[in-house]
Protein backbone atom coordinates (compact mmCIF):
# COMPACT_ATOMS: atom_id res chain seq x y z
CA MET A 1 24.29 91.84 121.60
CA THR A 2 21.71 94.50 122.39
CA PRO A 3 21.76 98.02 120.89
CA GLY A 4 22.62 99.34 124.36
CA HIS A 5 25.74 97.19 124.52
CA LEU A 6 26.71 98.24 121.00
CA LEU A 7 26.37 101.91 121.87
CA ALA A 8 28.43 101.34 124.99
CA LEU A 9 31.16 99.68 122.94
CA LEU A 10 31.08 102.51 120.41
CA GLY A 11 31.52 104.96 123.24
CA LEU A 12 34.39 102.88 124.55
CA GLY A 13 35.98 102.81 121.10
CA SER A 14 35.91 106.58 120.91
CA LEU A 15 37.90 106.72 124.14
CA LEU A 16 40.43 104.05 123.20
CA ALA A 17 42.49 106.47 121.16
CA THR A 18 42.99 110.19 121.20
CA ALA A 19 44.12 112.36 118.32
CA HIS A 20 45.47 115.88 118.55
CA GLY A 21 45.62 117.99 115.39
CA TYR A 22 47.81 121.07 115.09
CA PHE A 23 49.03 123.72 112.68
CA VAL A 24 52.51 125.10 113.31
CA THR A 25 54.60 127.72 111.52
CA ILE A 26 58.30 126.88 111.40
CA ASP A 27 60.56 129.79 110.54
CA ALA A 28 63.69 129.48 108.41
CA HIS A 29 66.67 127.97 110.31
CA ALA A 30 64.26 126.91 113.08
CA GLU A 31 63.06 123.66 114.61
CA GLU A 32 59.87 122.88 116.51
CA CYS A 33 59.53 119.84 118.79
CA PHE A 34 56.50 118.25 120.44
CA PHE A 35 56.39 115.72 123.23
CA GLU A 36 54.11 112.85 124.21
CA LYS A 37 54.46 110.98 127.50
CA VAL A 38 53.17 107.40 127.33
CA THR A 39 53.73 103.99 128.88
CA ALA A 40 55.33 100.98 127.20
CA GLY A 41 53.09 99.18 124.73
CA THR A 42 51.03 102.24 123.80
CA LYS A 43 50.48 102.65 120.08
CA LEU A 44 51.68 106.02 118.78
CA GLY A 45 50.99 107.58 115.42
CA LEU A 46 52.04 110.70 113.55
CA ALA A 47 50.51 112.06 110.35
CA PHE A 48 51.75 115.32 108.82
CA GLU A 49 51.71 117.39 105.67
CA VAL A 50 53.47 120.62 104.71
CA ALA A 51 50.64 123.01 103.86
CA GLU A 52 52.56 126.06 102.71
CA GLY A 53 56.06 127.42 102.13
CA GLY A 54 58.92 126.86 99.70
CA PHE A 55 58.92 123.46 98.02
CA LEU A 56 56.51 122.07 100.64
CA ASP A 57 59.23 120.02 102.34
CA ILE A 58 60.39 119.62 105.93
CA ASP A 59 62.86 117.51 107.91
CA ILE A 60 61.35 115.24 110.56
CA LYS A 61 62.81 113.25 113.44
CA ILE A 62 61.08 110.97 115.96
CA SER A 63 63.08 109.87 119.00
CA GLY A 64 62.37 107.80 122.10
CA PRO A 65 62.92 108.49 125.81
CA ASP A 66 66.43 107.03 125.57
CA GLY A 67 67.39 109.45 122.80
CA LYS A 68 67.46 106.79 120.09
CA ILE A 69 66.04 107.87 116.74
CA ILE A 70 62.93 105.94 115.74
CA HIS A 71 62.49 107.68 112.40
CA GLU A 72 64.36 110.40 110.56
CA GLY A 73 63.52 111.89 107.18
CA GLU A 74 64.76 114.80 105.09
CA ARG A 75 62.74 117.11 102.83
CA GLU A 76 59.49 115.19 103.20
CA SER A 77 56.20 116.73 102.09
CA ASN A 78 53.94 114.36 104.03
CA GLY A 79 54.00 111.10 105.88
CA ARG A 80 52.30 108.74 108.30
CA TYR A 81 54.13 106.70 110.90
CA THR A 82 52.78 104.29 113.49
CA PHE A 83 54.81 102.44 116.11
CA PRO A 84 54.40 100.94 119.59
CA ALA A 85 56.16 102.59 122.53
CA SER A 86 59.00 100.30 123.57
CA MET A 87 59.42 101.89 127.01
CA ASP A 88 57.84 104.35 129.41
CA GLY A 89 58.77 107.98 128.94
CA VAL A 90 58.52 111.01 126.69
CA TYR A 91 58.63 110.58 122.92
CA THR A 92 59.76 113.55 120.85
CA TYR A 93 58.56 114.66 117.41
CA CYS A 94 60.68 117.38 115.77
CA PHE A 95 60.06 119.32 112.54
CA SER A 96 63.12 121.14 111.24
CA ASN A 97 63.27 123.94 108.67
CA LYS A 98 66.98 124.58 109.08
CA MET A 99 67.67 123.86 105.41
CA SER A 100 65.54 126.86 104.37
CA THR A 101 67.32 130.19 103.99
CA MET A 102 64.36 132.56 104.33
CA THR A 103 61.06 130.76 103.76
CA PRO A 104 58.88 129.71 106.73
CA LYS A 105 56.83 126.52 106.44
CA ILE A 106 53.34 125.77 107.72
CA VAL A 107 52.96 122.15 108.83
CA MET A 108 49.68 120.43 109.60
CA PHE A 109 50.06 117.33 111.76
CA SER A 110 48.22 115.11 114.20
CA LEU A 111 49.47 112.92 117.04
CA ASP A 112 47.53 109.73 117.74
CA VAL A 113 47.82 108.00 121.08
CA GLY A 114 46.27 104.56 121.19
CA GLU A 115 45.35 102.33 124.10
CA GLU A 116 48.03 100.70 126.19
CA SER A 117 48.23 97.01 125.37
CA LYS A 118 47.60 94.93 128.46
CA ALA A 119 47.78 91.16 128.71
CA SER A 120 45.13 89.55 130.87
CA PRO A 121 46.46 86.67 133.06
CA ASP A 122 43.13 84.83 133.05
CA ALA A 123 42.41 85.34 129.36
CA ALA A 124 42.32 81.57 128.84
CA ASN A 125 39.41 81.28 131.31
CA THR A 126 37.32 83.98 129.65
CA GLU A 127 33.72 82.98 129.01
CA GLU A 128 32.27 82.89 125.54
CA GLY A 129 30.32 86.12 126.08
CA ASP A 130 33.43 87.95 127.27
CA ALA A 131 35.37 86.64 124.28
CA GLY A 132 32.71 88.01 121.96
CA SER A 133 32.79 91.34 123.75
CA SER A 134 36.59 91.46 123.45
CA LYS A 135 36.33 90.68 119.75
CA MET A 136 33.81 93.47 119.33
CA GLU A 137 36.14 95.87 121.15
CA ASP A 138 38.94 94.93 118.75
CA MET A 139 36.65 95.65 115.82
CA ILE A 140 35.69 99.00 117.37
CA ARG A 141 39.39 99.84 117.75
CA GLU A 142 40.01 99.07 114.09
CA LEU A 143 36.97 101.11 113.09
CA SER A 144 38.14 104.01 115.24
CA ALA A 145 41.59 103.90 113.63
CA ALA A 146 40.03 103.78 110.16
CA LEU A 147 37.75 106.75 110.93
CA SER A 148 40.72 108.67 112.29
CA GLY A 149 42.58 108.00 109.04
CA VAL A 150 39.60 109.22 107.02
CA LYS A 151 39.42 112.38 109.12
CA HIS A 152 43.12 113.05 108.58
CA GLU A 153 42.70 112.55 104.84
CA GLN A 154 39.78 114.98 104.79
CA ASP A 155 41.84 117.56 106.69
CA TYR A 156 44.69 117.16 104.20
CA MET A 157 42.32 117.50 101.25
CA GLU A 158 40.85 120.64 102.79
CA VAL A 159 44.31 122.16 103.20
CA ARG A 160 45.29 121.21 99.66
CA GLU A 161 42.05 122.65 98.28
CA ARG A 162 42.65 125.91 100.15
CA ILE A 163 46.22 126.13 98.84
CA HIS A 164 45.19 125.41 95.25
CA ARG A 165 42.35 127.93 95.47
CA SER A 166 44.80 130.56 96.70
CA ILE A 167 47.17 129.75 93.83
CA ASN A 168 44.33 129.96 91.31
CA ASP A 169 43.15 133.28 92.73
CA ASN A 170 46.66 134.72 92.55
CA THR A 171 47.07 133.44 88.99
CA ASN A 172 43.74 134.92 87.92
CA SER A 173 44.66 138.26 89.48
CA ARG A 174 47.97 138.31 87.64
CA VAL A 175 46.28 137.41 84.35
CA VAL A 176 43.78 140.24 84.81
CA LEU A 177 46.54 142.73 85.65
CA TRP A 178 48.59 141.60 82.66
CA SER A 179 45.56 141.95 80.38
CA VAL A 180 44.94 145.48 81.67
CA PHE A 181 48.61 146.31 81.14
CA GLU A 182 48.51 144.96 77.58
CA ALA A 183 45.35 146.99 76.86
CA LEU A 184 47.00 150.16 78.17
CA VAL A 185 50.10 149.49 76.07
CA LEU A 186 47.99 148.97 72.95
CA VAL A 187 46.04 152.16 73.62
CA ALA A 188 49.30 154.08 74.18
CA MET A 189 50.80 152.68 70.96
CA THR A 190 47.64 153.56 69.00
CA VAL A 191 47.62 157.11 70.34
CA GLY A 192 51.33 157.41 69.59
CA GLN A 193 50.90 156.20 66.03
CA VAL A 194 47.97 158.55 65.43
CA TYR A 195 49.98 161.48 66.80
CA TYR A 196 53.03 160.55 64.70
CA LEU A 197 51.00 160.27 61.49
CA LYS A 198 49.26 163.55 62.24
CA GLN A 199 52.61 165.28 62.75
CA PHE A 200 53.97 163.67 59.59
CA PHE A 201 51.12 164.88 57.38
CA GLU A 202 51.23 168.35 58.93
CA VAL A 203 54.93 168.61 58.04
CA ARG A 204 54.24 167.46 54.44
CA ARG A 205 51.46 170.06 54.10
CA VAL A 206 53.74 172.88 55.23
CA VAL A 207 56.42 171.90 52.75
């Protein structure tokens, strides 16, 4: 296979699947739903992580066009789910923060839509070159899925790093403020003791 064919297949692999990444803020007692319209046989994927808020947990529900629940989880911090569409229609992804009394949650998630699986009626008569090309396309699909997973993992690590940095900054600020407060208290106690001793010796001298 020539480099030109390989580049063409790489370009094809990049178009075989699409991924949409989002950040959404879900208020307390609220629910946010997202929809994806696909045809039967299409591979669907969802990856999410709670980036901020409360105990970093959220309720999730995935349902099909017929209303049947494909997946349902409670108080999950992160997750990855992949499944083939069993029928044509709109698939629904819902994140619920109804269990929270006052804390909003920030959820980072991505929706992956793969290629529709199609069976070729004359696949048995495919020539050797076409079979090799099909095999290469399958490898490109797997590579594309792996790269997408790596990208998601990098996004999650970036969010986690930002959260931990914010926590460390807040902790450092509190430590500095507490140290300043302790220093002021010590200075006040020292001045108070000096003043008390001065008053005490002045009273003794008068007597």
